[in-house]
Amino acid sequence: MKQKRGPKPGKEQKAKALGKTGKDLASQISHFLPVALQDDICDLVLVLDDLDCHDEINSTDFFNEAIDATPGAEDINRFIVFAAPEIESWLIADWQNTFAVDYRFRSFHAGLRHRLSTSHNISFNNPESFSEFNPDTDACREKISEIIIDAVQAESEECGIALPHFSKREHSPELLMIAKAQVIQQKCPIFAKFYHFLTDTGE
């Protein structure tokens, strides 16, 4: 059977996987994977998504089905990993190398950490356990990223000074650049699978 051709170059510019999640991310796999296979440039498919309190096994199966639906991709190597419940849990796990040292947050990080722990029940030793699935929204009942935003604002109001606002889009990627994977994997079992995949592959 002739392999289906990928999308035309003009259409590729309209489809961006960055920021997509769940079904939207799966649709991007269906869009871009045929192009990679057509050009013989795909040795491994790596899928990274927020778990958002969904079941890990079902979510893995969902993305595997999206990959397998592409002709020629059935036997391709793949690794599907999730940030649970979202990628900010990794920043929480390695607080001392992220918020505690970043020039925008270090001056009030101790108060922020206390607020997140006591007022919002975020576990700094097991941040992947935060929140629970809400079937009405098909997502977590609470989002760590939104709680951090609100907590920073609350700290600003309590201190009576204008503190830097937290932005998921801006600050999360920057803080991840200085986070230590070795530390995160000790507190995040789901992330640890990704960590060991990367370290084992690098050997």
N, C-alpha and C. Protein backbone atom coordinates (compact mmCIF):
# COMPACT_ATOMS: atom_id res chain seq x y z
N MET A 1 0.85 -1.20 0.00
CA MET A 1 0.00 0.00 0.00
C MET A 1 0.88 1.24 0.00
N LYS A 2 0.56 2.17 -0.82
CA LYS A 2 1.34 3.39 -0.92
C LYS A 2 1.12 4.25 0.32
N GLN A 3 2.23 4.75 0.87
CA GLN A 3 2.13 5.57 2.08
C GLN A 3 1.51 6.92 1.77
N LYS A 4 0.60 7.32 2.61
CA LYS A 4 -0.07 8.59 2.43
C LYS A 4 0.92 9.73 2.57
N ARG A 5 0.85 10.67 1.65
CA ARG A 5 1.74 11.80 1.69
C ARG A 5 1.36 12.74 2.84
N GLY A 6 2.35 13.41 3.37
CA GLY A 6 2.12 14.33 4.47
C GLY A 6 1.52 15.62 3.98
N PRO A 7 1.22 16.55 4.88
CA PRO A 7 0.61 17.82 4.52
C PRO A 7 1.54 18.65 3.66
N LYS A 8 0.98 19.50 2.86
CA LYS A 8 1.77 20.37 2.01
C LYS A 8 2.52 21.39 2.85
N PRO A 9 3.69 21.84 2.36
CA PRO A 9 4.50 22.78 3.15
C PRO A 9 3.75 24.00 3.61
N GLY A 10 2.87 24.52 2.78
CA GLY A 10 2.13 25.72 3.15
C GLY A 10 1.23 25.50 4.35
N LYS A 11 0.73 24.27 4.48
CA LYS A 11 -0.16 23.96 5.59
C LYS A 11 0.62 23.68 6.87
N GLU A 12 1.87 23.26 6.73
CA GLU A 12 2.66 22.94 7.91
C GLU A 12 2.84 24.15 8.81
N GLN A 13 2.89 25.31 8.23
CA GLN A 13 3.12 26.52 9.01
C GLN A 13 1.97 26.83 9.94
N LYS A 14 0.78 26.29 9.64
CA LYS A 14 -0.40 26.60 10.44
C LYS A 14 -0.55 25.66 11.63
N ALA A 15 0.19 24.57 11.61
CA ALA A 15 0.03 23.56 12.66
C ALA A 15 1.24 23.57 13.57
N LYS A 16 1.04 23.88 14.82
CA LYS A 16 2.12 23.95 15.79
C LYS A 16 1.78 23.05 16.97
N ALA A 17 2.71 22.16 17.31
CA ALA A 17 2.46 21.24 18.43
C ALA A 17 2.71 21.92 19.77
N LEU A 18 3.52 22.99 19.79
CA LEU A 18 3.85 23.65 21.04
C LEU A 18 2.59 24.17 21.73
N GLY A 19 2.41 23.76 22.98
CA GLY A 19 1.26 24.23 23.74
C GLY A 19 0.02 23.37 23.58
N LYS A 20 0.05 22.42 22.65
CA LYS A 20 -1.10 21.54 22.45
C LYS A 20 -1.08 20.44 23.50
N THR A 21 -2.25 19.94 23.82
CA THR A 21 -2.35 18.89 24.82
C THR A 21 -3.53 17.98 24.51
N GLY A 22 -3.51 16.76 25.03
CA GLY A 22 -4.62 15.85 24.85
C GLY A 22 -4.96 15.57 23.40
N LYS A 23 -6.23 15.73 23.06
CA LYS A 23 -6.69 15.45 21.71
C LYS A 23 -6.03 16.36 20.67
N ASP A 24 -5.78 17.61 21.05
CA ASP A 24 -5.13 18.53 20.12
C ASP A 24 -3.70 18.08 19.82
N LEU A 25 -3.01 17.57 20.84
CA LEU A 25 -1.66 17.07 20.62
C LEU A 25 -1.68 15.83 19.75
N ALA A 26 -2.66 14.96 19.97
CA ALA A 26 -2.78 13.76 19.16
C ALA A 26 -3.01 14.12 17.69
N SER A 27 -3.79 15.16 17.44
CA SER A 27 -4.03 15.59 16.06
C SER A 27 -2.75 16.12 15.43
N GLN A 28 -1.87 16.72 16.24
CA GLN A 28 -0.60 17.21 15.72
C GLN A 28 0.33 16.05 15.36
N ILE A 29 0.24 14.97 16.13
CA ILE A 29 1.00 13.77 15.79
C ILE A 29 0.56 13.26 14.42
N SER A 30 -0.74 13.22 14.22
CA SER A 30 -1.27 12.76 12.93
C SER A 30 -0.86 13.68 11.79
N HIS A 31 -0.61 14.94 12.11
CA HIS A 31 -0.24 15.93 11.10
C HIS A 31 1.23 15.84 10.73
N PHE A 32 2.10 15.76 11.74
CA PHE A 32 3.54 15.87 11.50
C PHE A 32 4.24 14.54 11.29
N LEU A 33 3.75 13.46 11.91
CA LEU A 33 4.44 12.19 11.81
C LEU A 33 4.54 11.67 10.38
N PRO A 34 3.50 11.79 9.55
CA PRO A 34 3.65 11.34 8.16
C PRO A 34 4.76 12.07 7.43
N VAL A 35 4.97 13.33 7.74
CA VAL A 35 6.03 14.11 7.10
C VAL A 35 7.40 13.55 7.49
N ALA A 36 7.57 13.26 8.78
CA ALA A 36 8.84 12.72 9.26
C ALA A 36 9.13 11.36 8.66
N LEU A 37 8.10 10.52 8.55
CA LEU A 37 8.28 9.20 7.97
C LEU A 37 8.58 9.29 6.48
N GLN A 38 7.91 10.20 5.82
CA GLN A 38 8.10 10.38 4.38
C GLN A 38 9.53 10.78 4.06
N ASP A 39 10.11 11.63 4.93
CA ASP A 39 11.47 12.11 4.72
C ASP A 39 12.52 11.22 5.40
N ASP A 40 12.05 10.13 6.02
CA ASP A 40 12.94 9.17 6.66
C ASP A 40 13.84 9.83 7.71
N ILE A 41 13.24 10.70 8.54
CA ILE A 41 14.01 11.40 9.56
C ILE A 41 13.53 11.08 10.97
N CYS A 42 12.71 10.05 11.10
CA CYS A 42 12.11 9.75 12.41
C CYS A 42 12.60 8.41 12.92
N ASP A 43 13.43 8.43 13.98
CA ASP A 43 13.91 7.22 14.62
C ASP A 43 13.14 6.90 15.90
N LEU A 44 12.56 7.95 16.48
CA LEU A 44 11.86 7.80 17.75
C LEU A 44 10.79 8.87 17.87
N VAL A 45 9.64 8.48 18.37
CA VAL A 45 8.58 9.44 18.66
C VAL A 45 8.55 9.64 20.17
N LEU A 46 8.78 10.88 20.60
CA LEU A 46 8.73 11.23 22.02
C LEU A 46 7.53 12.14 22.23
N VAL A 47 6.60 11.70 23.05
CA VAL A 47 5.39 12.48 23.36
C VAL A 47 5.47 12.93 24.81
N LEU A 48 5.33 14.22 25.04
CA LEU A 48 5.32 14.77 26.40
C LEU A 48 4.05 15.60 26.56
N ASP A 49 3.26 15.26 27.57
CA ASP A 49 2.01 15.97 27.79
C ASP A 49 1.74 16.06 29.29
N ASP A 50 0.94 17.05 29.68
CA ASP A 50 0.45 17.12 31.06
C ASP A 50 -0.57 16.01 31.25
N LEU A 51 -0.45 15.27 32.34
CA LEU A 51 -1.42 14.21 32.60
C LEU A 51 -2.76 14.78 33.05
N ASP A 52 -2.71 15.91 33.74
CA ASP A 52 -3.92 16.64 34.13
C ASP A 52 -4.93 15.73 34.84
N CYS A 53 -4.40 14.87 35.70
CA CYS A 53 -5.21 13.98 36.55
C CYS A 53 -5.93 12.87 35.79
N HIS A 54 -5.58 12.65 34.53
CA HIS A 54 -6.11 11.50 33.80
C HIS A 54 -5.34 10.24 34.20
N ASP A 55 -5.87 9.10 33.85
CA ASP A 55 -5.20 7.83 34.12
C ASP A 55 -4.00 7.68 33.20
N GLU A 56 -2.85 7.34 33.77
CA GLU A 56 -1.62 7.27 32.97
C GLU A 56 -1.68 6.18 31.91
N ILE A 57 -2.20 5.01 32.26
CA ILE A 57 -2.24 3.90 31.31
C ILE A 57 -3.16 4.22 30.14
N ASN A 58 -4.35 4.73 30.43
CA ASN A 58 -5.29 5.08 29.36
C ASN A 58 -4.73 6.19 28.47
N SER A 59 -4.05 7.14 29.08
CA SER A 59 -3.49 8.24 28.30
C SER A 59 -2.35 7.75 27.41
N THR A 60 -1.57 6.81 27.91
CA THR A 60 -0.51 6.22 27.10
C THR A 60 -1.09 5.48 25.91
N ASP A 61 -2.14 4.70 26.17
CA ASP A 61 -2.80 3.97 25.08
C ASP A 61 -3.37 4.93 24.04
N PHE A 62 -3.89 6.04 24.49
CA PHE A 62 -4.48 7.03 23.59
C PHE A 62 -3.44 7.55 22.60
N PHE A 63 -2.25 7.88 23.10
CA PHE A 63 -1.22 8.40 22.21
C PHE A 63 -0.60 7.30 21.35
N ASN A 64 -0.52 6.10 21.89
CA ASN A 64 -0.04 4.98 21.08
C ASN A 64 -0.96 4.74 19.89
N GLU A 65 -2.25 4.87 20.12
CA GLU A 65 -3.22 4.69 19.03
C GLU A 65 -3.05 5.79 17.97
N ALA A 66 -2.75 7.01 18.43
CA ALA A 66 -2.55 8.11 17.49
C ALA A 66 -1.32 7.86 16.62
N ILE A 67 -0.28 7.30 17.22
CA ILE A 67 0.93 6.97 16.46
C ILE A 67 0.67 5.82 15.51
N ASP A 68 0.04 4.77 16.01
CA ASP A 68 -0.21 3.58 15.20
C ASP A 68 -1.16 3.84 14.04
N ALA A 69 -1.96 4.90 14.15
CA ALA A 69 -2.91 5.22 13.08
C ALA A 69 -2.20 5.77 11.84
N THR A 70 -0.93 6.15 11.98
CA THR A 70 -0.16 6.65 10.85
C THR A 70 0.47 5.48 10.11
N PRO A 71 0.18 5.29 8.83
CA PRO A 71 0.76 4.18 8.07
C PRO A 71 2.28 4.18 8.14
N GLY A 72 2.84 3.04 8.48
CA GLY A 72 4.28 2.92 8.57
C GLY A 72 4.85 3.20 9.94
N ALA A 73 4.01 3.63 10.88
CA ALA A 73 4.51 4.00 12.21
C ALA A 73 4.24 2.93 13.26
N GLU A 74 3.61 1.83 12.85
CA GLU A 74 3.20 0.82 13.82
C GLU A 74 4.36 0.26 14.63
N ASP A 75 5.52 0.11 13.99
CA ASP A 75 6.66 -0.51 14.66
C ASP A 75 7.74 0.49 15.07
N ILE A 76 7.43 1.76 14.97
CA ILE A 76 8.43 2.78 15.28
C ILE A 76 8.64 2.87 16.79
N ASN A 77 9.87 3.12 17.20
CA ASN A 77 10.16 3.31 18.62
C ASN A 77 9.46 4.56 19.12
N ARG A 78 8.92 4.47 20.32
CA ARG A 78 8.26 5.63 20.90
C ARG A 78 8.37 5.59 22.42
N PHE A 79 8.32 6.78 23.01
CA PHE A 79 8.28 6.90 24.45
C PHE A 79 7.29 8.00 24.79
N ILE A 80 6.33 7.65 25.62
CA ILE A 80 5.27 8.58 25.99
C ILE A 80 5.41 8.89 27.48
N VAL A 81 5.58 10.16 27.77
CA VAL A 81 5.83 10.57 29.15
C VAL A 81 4.88 11.69 29.54
N PHE A 82 4.56 11.74 30.82
CA PHE A 82 3.61 12.73 31.30
C PHE A 82 4.18 13.53 32.46
N ALA A 83 3.86 14.81 32.49
CA ALA A 83 4.08 15.64 33.66
C ALA A 83 2.80 15.54 34.48
N ALA A 84 2.92 15.08 35.71
CA ALA A 84 1.73 14.84 36.52
C ALA A 84 1.73 15.75 37.74
N PRO A 85 0.63 16.46 37.98
CA PRO A 85 -0.48 16.62 37.04
C PRO A 85 -0.17 17.58 35.89
N GLU A 86 0.83 18.46 36.11
CA GLU A 86 1.32 19.32 35.04
C GLU A 86 2.78 19.65 35.31
N ILE A 87 3.43 20.28 34.37
CA ILE A 87 4.88 20.41 34.41
C ILE A 87 5.38 21.24 35.60
N GLU A 88 4.52 22.07 36.18
CA GLU A 88 4.95 22.85 37.35
C GLU A 88 5.25 21.97 38.55
N SER A 89 4.76 20.73 38.55
CA SER A 89 5.09 19.83 39.66
C SER A 89 6.60 19.56 39.70
N TRP A 90 7.25 19.61 38.55
CA TRP A 90 8.71 19.42 38.51
C TRP A 90 9.41 20.59 39.18
N LEU A 91 8.87 21.77 39.00
CA LEU A 91 9.47 22.96 39.65
C LEU A 91 9.29 22.89 41.15
N ILE A 92 8.13 22.40 41.58
CA ILE A 92 7.86 22.24 43.01
C ILE A 92 8.83 21.23 43.61
N ALA A 93 9.06 20.13 42.90
CA ALA A 93 9.93 19.07 43.40
C ALA A 93 11.35 19.55 43.61
N ASP A 94 11.81 20.46 42.75
CA ASP A 94 13.18 20.97 42.85
C ASP A 94 13.16 22.45 43.20
N TRP A 95 12.41 22.78 44.21
CA TRP A 95 12.20 24.17 44.63
C TRP A 95 13.52 24.90 44.89
N GLN A 96 14.47 24.23 45.52
CA GLN A 96 15.72 24.88 45.90
C GLN A 96 16.57 25.29 44.70
N ASN A 97 16.33 24.68 43.56
CA ASN A 97 17.08 25.03 42.36
C ASN A 97 16.25 25.81 41.35
N THR A 98 15.01 26.14 41.73
CA THR A 98 14.15 26.89 40.81
C THR A 98 13.69 28.19 41.48
N PHE A 99 12.57 28.18 42.15
CA PHE A 99 12.04 29.40 42.77
C PHE A 99 12.99 29.99 43.81
N ALA A 100 13.69 29.13 44.53
CA ALA A 100 14.54 29.61 45.62
C ALA A 100 15.75 30.39 45.14
N VAL A 101 16.15 30.19 43.88
CA VAL A 101 17.35 30.87 43.38
C VAL A 101 17.06 31.86 42.25
N ASP A 102 15.88 31.76 41.64
CA ASP A 102 15.56 32.67 40.54
C ASP A 102 15.46 34.11 41.06
N TYR A 103 16.05 35.03 40.33
CA TYR A 103 16.14 36.42 40.81
C TYR A 103 14.78 37.08 41.01
N ARG A 104 13.74 36.57 40.34
CA ARG A 104 12.42 37.18 40.46
C ARG A 104 11.66 36.69 41.69
N PHE A 105 11.96 35.50 42.18
CA PHE A 105 11.17 34.91 43.24
C PHE A 105 11.93 34.62 44.53
N ARG A 106 13.26 34.66 44.48
CA ARG A 106 14.03 34.23 45.64
C ARG A 106 13.80 35.09 46.88
N SER A 107 13.45 36.37 46.70
CA SER A 107 13.29 37.25 47.86
C SER A 107 12.07 36.89 48.70
N PHE A 108 11.11 36.20 48.11
CA PHE A 108 9.90 35.83 48.87
C PHE A 108 9.55 34.36 48.69
N HIS A 109 10.51 33.54 48.26
CA HIS A 109 10.21 32.14 47.97
C HIS A 109 9.81 31.36 49.23
N ALA A 110 10.38 31.71 50.39
CA ALA A 110 10.06 30.98 51.61
C ALA A 110 8.59 31.16 51.99
N GLY A 111 8.10 32.39 51.91
CA GLY A 111 6.70 32.65 52.20
C GLY A 111 5.79 32.02 51.17
N LEU A 112 6.23 32.02 49.93
CA LEU A 112 5.45 31.41 48.86
C LEU A 112 5.35 29.90 49.06
N ARG A 113 6.45 29.29 49.41
CA ARG A 113 6.45 27.85 49.64
C ARG A 113 5.53 27.50 50.81
N HIS A 114 5.60 28.28 51.89
CA HIS A 114 4.75 28.02 53.05
C HIS A 114 3.28 28.14 52.68
N ARG A 115 2.94 29.13 51.87
CA ARG A 115 1.55 29.33 51.45
C ARG A 115 1.06 28.17 50.59
N LEU A 116 1.89 27.74 49.67
CA LEU A 116 1.50 26.63 48.78
C LEU A 116 1.30 25.34 49.58
N SER A 117 2.14 25.15 50.60
CA SER A 117 2.06 23.94 51.41
C SER A 117 0.87 23.95 52.37
N THR A 118 0.67 25.05 53.07
CA THR A 118 -0.36 25.10 54.12
C THR A 118 -1.74 25.48 53.60
N SER A 119 -1.80 26.42 52.68
CA SER A 119 -3.11 26.89 52.20
C SER A 119 -3.64 26.07 51.03
N HIS A 120 -2.74 25.42 50.30
CA HIS A 120 -3.17 24.70 49.09
C HIS A 120 -2.80 23.22 49.10
N ASN A 121 -2.22 22.76 50.20
CA ASN A 121 -1.93 21.33 50.39
C ASN A 121 -1.07 20.73 49.27
N ILE A 122 -0.13 21.51 48.77
CA ILE A 122 0.80 20.98 47.78
C ILE A 122 1.94 20.29 48.51
N SER A 123 2.17 19.04 48.18
CA SER A 123 3.25 18.28 48.80
C SER A 123 4.55 18.51 48.03
N PHE A 124 5.54 19.02 48.72
CA PHE A 124 6.83 19.27 48.08
C PHE A 124 7.66 17.99 47.95
N ASN A 125 7.24 16.94 48.64
CA ASN A 125 7.92 15.65 48.52
C ASN A 125 7.23 14.72 47.55
N ASN A 126 6.00 15.05 47.18
CA ASN A 126 5.25 14.22 46.23
C ASN A 126 4.27 15.09 45.45
N PRO A 127 4.77 16.04 44.67
CA PRO A 127 3.88 16.98 43.99
C PRO A 127 3.01 16.34 42.91
N GLU A 128 3.37 15.16 42.44
CA GLU A 128 2.55 14.49 41.42
C GLU A 128 1.20 14.04 41.97
N SER A 129 1.08 14.00 43.29
CA SER A 129 -0.17 13.54 43.91
C SER A 129 -1.21 14.64 44.01
N PHE A 130 -0.89 15.85 43.58
CA PHE A 130 -1.78 16.98 43.78
C PHE A 130 -3.06 16.86 42.98
N SER A 131 -4.17 17.23 43.62
CA SER A 131 -5.50 17.35 43.02
C SER A 131 -6.09 16.00 42.62
N GLU A 132 -7.27 16.06 42.00
CA GLU A 132 -7.98 14.87 41.56
C GLU A 132 -8.76 15.19 40.29
N PHE A 133 -9.18 14.14 39.59
CA PHE A 133 -9.85 14.32 38.31
C PHE A 133 -11.27 14.84 38.50
N ASN A 134 -11.63 15.82 37.70
CA ASN A 134 -12.98 16.37 37.70
C ASN A 134 -13.66 16.00 36.38
N PRO A 135 -14.60 15.07 36.41
CA PRO A 135 -15.24 14.63 35.16
C PRO A 135 -16.02 15.73 34.45
N ASP A 136 -16.43 16.74 35.18
CA ASP A 136 -17.19 17.83 34.56
C ASP A 136 -16.32 18.68 33.64
N THR A 137 -15.04 18.79 33.98
CA THR A 137 -14.13 19.60 33.16
C THR A 137 -13.13 18.75 32.40
N ASP A 138 -13.12 17.45 32.66
CA ASP A 138 -12.17 16.52 32.04
C ASP A 138 -10.74 16.96 32.33
N ALA A 139 -10.50 17.40 33.56
CA ALA A 139 -9.18 17.89 33.96
C ALA A 139 -9.10 17.85 35.49
N CYS A 140 -7.98 18.32 36.04
CA CYS A 140 -7.83 18.39 37.49
C CYS A 140 -8.82 19.41 38.08
N ARG A 141 -9.24 19.15 39.28
CA ARG A 141 -10.10 20.13 39.97
C ARG A 141 -9.36 21.42 40.23
N GLU A 142 -8.07 21.31 40.49
CA GLU A 142 -7.22 22.49 40.70
C GLU A 142 -5.95 22.31 39.88
N LYS A 143 -5.41 23.41 39.39
CA LYS A 143 -4.18 23.36 38.61
C LYS A 143 -3.05 24.00 39.40
N ILE A 144 -1.92 23.32 39.46
CA ILE A 144 -0.78 23.85 40.20
C ILE A 144 -0.36 25.21 39.64
N SER A 145 -0.35 25.34 38.32
CA SER A 145 0.09 26.60 37.70
C SER A 145 -0.80 27.76 38.13
N GLU A 146 -2.11 27.55 38.18
CA GLU A 146 -3.02 28.61 38.58
C GLU A 146 -2.88 28.93 40.06
N ILE A 147 -2.62 27.91 40.87
CA ILE A 147 -2.44 28.12 42.30
C ILE A 147 -1.17 28.92 42.57
N ILE A 148 -0.11 28.63 41.82
CA ILE A 148 1.13 29.42 41.98
C ILE A 148 0.88 30.88 41.63
N ILE A 149 0.15 31.10 40.55
CA ILE A 149 -0.19 32.47 40.15
C ILE A 149 -0.93 33.19 41.26
N ASP A 150 -1.95 32.53 41.82
CA ASP A 150 -2.75 33.14 42.89
C ASP A 150 -1.93 33.33 44.16
N ALA A 151 -1.05 32.37 44.47
CA ALA A 151 -0.25 32.45 45.69
C ALA A 151 0.76 33.59 45.62
N VAL A 152 1.35 33.78 44.45
CA VAL A 152 2.29 34.89 44.28
C VAL A 152 1.56 36.22 44.46
N GLN A 153 0.36 36.31 43.92
CA GLN A 153 -0.43 37.53 44.06
C GLN A 153 -0.80 37.77 45.52
N ALA A 154 -1.14 36.69 46.24
CA ALA A 154 -1.49 36.81 47.65
C ALA A 154 -0.28 37.26 48.47
N GLU A 155 0.90 36.75 48.12
CA GLU A 155 2.12 37.18 48.81
C GLU A 155 2.37 38.66 48.57
N SER A 156 2.13 39.10 47.35
CA SER A 156 2.33 40.51 47.01
C SER A 156 1.42 41.40 47.83
N GLU A 157 0.15 41.00 47.95
CA GLU A 157 -0.82 41.80 48.71
C GLU A 157 -0.49 41.80 50.20
N GLU A 158 -0.04 40.66 50.71
CA GLU A 158 0.27 40.57 52.14
C GLU A 158 1.51 41.39 52.48
N CYS A 159 2.48 41.39 51.57
CA CYS A 159 3.71 42.15 51.81
C CYS A 159 3.52 43.64 51.55
N GLY A 160 2.47 43.98 50.82
CA GLY A 160 2.21 45.37 50.51
C GLY A 160 3.16 45.96 49.48
N ILE A 161 3.79 45.07 48.71
CA ILE A 161 4.69 45.54 47.65
C ILE A 161 4.37 44.79 46.36
N ALA A 162 4.75 45.39 45.26
CA ALA A 162 4.50 44.77 43.96
C ALA A 162 5.57 43.70 43.69
N LEU A 163 5.18 42.44 43.76
CA LEU A 163 6.10 41.34 43.48
C LEU A 163 5.90 40.86 42.04
N PRO A 164 6.91 40.23 41.47
CA PRO A 164 6.76 39.73 40.09
C PRO A 164 5.61 38.74 40.00
N HIS A 165 4.80 38.85 38.98
CA HIS A 165 3.73 37.88 38.75
C HIS A 165 4.31 36.63 38.12
N PHE A 166 3.69 35.49 38.42
CA PHE A 166 4.14 34.23 37.82
C PHE A 166 3.38 33.99 36.53
N SER A 167 4.12 33.61 35.49
CA SER A 167 3.52 33.31 34.19
C SER A 167 3.91 31.89 33.79
N LYS A 168 2.91 31.05 33.57
CA LYS A 168 3.18 29.67 33.13
C LYS A 168 3.93 29.66 31.81
N ARG A 169 3.53 30.51 30.90
CA ARG A 169 4.14 30.53 29.57
C ARG A 169 5.58 31.04 29.62
N GLU A 170 5.83 32.05 30.45
CA GLU A 170 7.16 32.65 30.48
C GLU A 170 8.10 31.99 31.48
N HIS A 171 7.63 31.83 32.73
CA HIS A 171 8.53 31.42 33.78
C HIS A 171 8.75 29.91 33.87
N SER A 172 7.72 29.12 33.60
CA SER A 172 7.90 27.66 33.71
C SER A 172 9.03 27.15 32.81
N PRO A 173 9.07 27.51 31.53
CA PRO A 173 10.19 27.03 30.69
C PRO A 173 11.55 27.51 31.19
N GLU A 174 11.59 28.75 31.66
CA GLU A 174 12.87 29.30 32.13
C GLU A 174 13.35 28.58 33.39
N LEU A 175 12.43 28.31 34.31
CA LEU A 175 12.81 27.62 35.54
C LEU A 175 13.18 26.16 35.27
N LEU A 176 12.55 25.56 34.28
CA LEU A 176 12.90 24.18 33.93
C LEU A 176 14.34 24.08 33.43
N MET A 177 14.82 25.17 32.85
CA MET A 177 16.19 25.17 32.34
C MET A 177 17.23 25.05 33.46
N ILE A 178 16.86 25.46 34.66
CA ILE A 178 17.82 25.40 35.77
C ILE A 178 17.45 24.30 36.78
N ALA A 179 16.34 23.62 36.57
CA ALA A 179 15.93 22.53 37.46
C ALA A 179 16.86 21.33 37.28
N LYS A 180 17.01 20.53 38.32
CA LYS A 180 17.88 19.37 38.30
C LYS A 180 17.05 18.09 38.19
N ALA A 181 17.20 17.40 37.07
CA ALA A 181 16.42 16.19 36.83
C ALA A 181 16.68 15.13 37.90
N GLN A 182 17.90 15.05 38.38
CA GLN A 182 18.25 14.07 39.41
C GLN A 182 17.42 14.29 40.68
N VAL A 183 17.16 15.54 41.01
CA VAL A 183 16.37 15.86 42.19
C VAL A 183 14.90 15.56 41.93
N ILE A 184 14.40 15.97 40.77
CA ILE A 184 12.99 15.80 40.44
C ILE A 184 12.60 14.33 40.46
N GLN A 185 13.43 13.47 39.89
CA GLN A 185 13.07 12.05 39.78
C GLN A 185 12.97 11.37 41.14
N GLN A 186 13.60 11.96 42.15
CA GLN A 186 13.51 11.38 43.49
C GLN A 186 12.14 11.61 44.14
N LYS A 187 11.42 12.63 43.65
CA LYS A 187 10.14 12.98 44.25
C LYS A 187 8.96 12.78 43.31
N CYS A 188 9.23 12.50 42.06
CA CYS A 188 8.17 12.35 41.06
C CYS A 188 8.32 11.01 40.34
N PRO A 189 7.61 9.97 40.79
CA PRO A 189 7.76 8.64 40.21
C PRO A 189 7.46 8.57 38.71
N ILE A 190 6.48 9.34 38.25
CA ILE A 190 6.16 9.31 36.83
C ILE A 190 7.28 9.97 36.03
N PHE A 191 7.80 11.08 36.53
CA PHE A 191 8.94 11.71 35.87
C PHE A 191 10.15 10.79 35.88
N ALA A 192 10.30 9.99 36.93
CA ALA A 192 11.46 9.11 37.06
C ALA A 192 11.55 8.14 35.87
N LYS A 193 10.41 7.74 35.33
CA LYS A 193 10.42 6.86 34.15
C LYS A 193 11.08 7.56 32.97
N PHE A 194 10.76 8.84 32.81
CA PHE A 194 11.36 9.64 31.75
C PHE A 194 12.85 9.83 32.00
N TYR A 195 13.20 10.08 33.24
CA TYR A 195 14.58 10.31 33.61
C TYR A 195 15.43 9.08 33.29
N HIS A 196 14.94 7.90 33.68
CA HIS A 196 15.69 6.68 33.45
C HIS A 196 15.74 6.34 31.96
N PHE A 197 14.69 6.66 31.23
CA PHE A 197 14.72 6.47 29.77
C PHE A 197 15.84 7.29 29.15
N LEU A 198 15.94 8.53 29.56
CA LEU A 198 16.97 9.42 28.99
C LEU A 198 18.37 8.97 29.41
N THR A 199 18.54 8.62 30.67
CA THR A 199 19.88 8.22 31.13
C THR A 199 20.29 6.88 30.55
N ASP A 200 19.34 5.96 30.43
CA ASP A 200 19.66 4.65 29.86
C ASP A 200 19.97 4.77 28.37
N THR A 201 19.24 5.66 27.69
CA THR A 201 19.46 5.86 26.26
C THR A 201 20.81 6.50 26.00
N GLY A 202 21.25 7.34 26.95
CA GLY A 202 22.51 8.06 26.77
C GLY A 202 23.73 7.20 27.03
N GLU A 203 23.52 6.02 27.60
CA GLU A 203 24.67 5.17 27.91
C GLU A 203 25.28 4.56 26.65
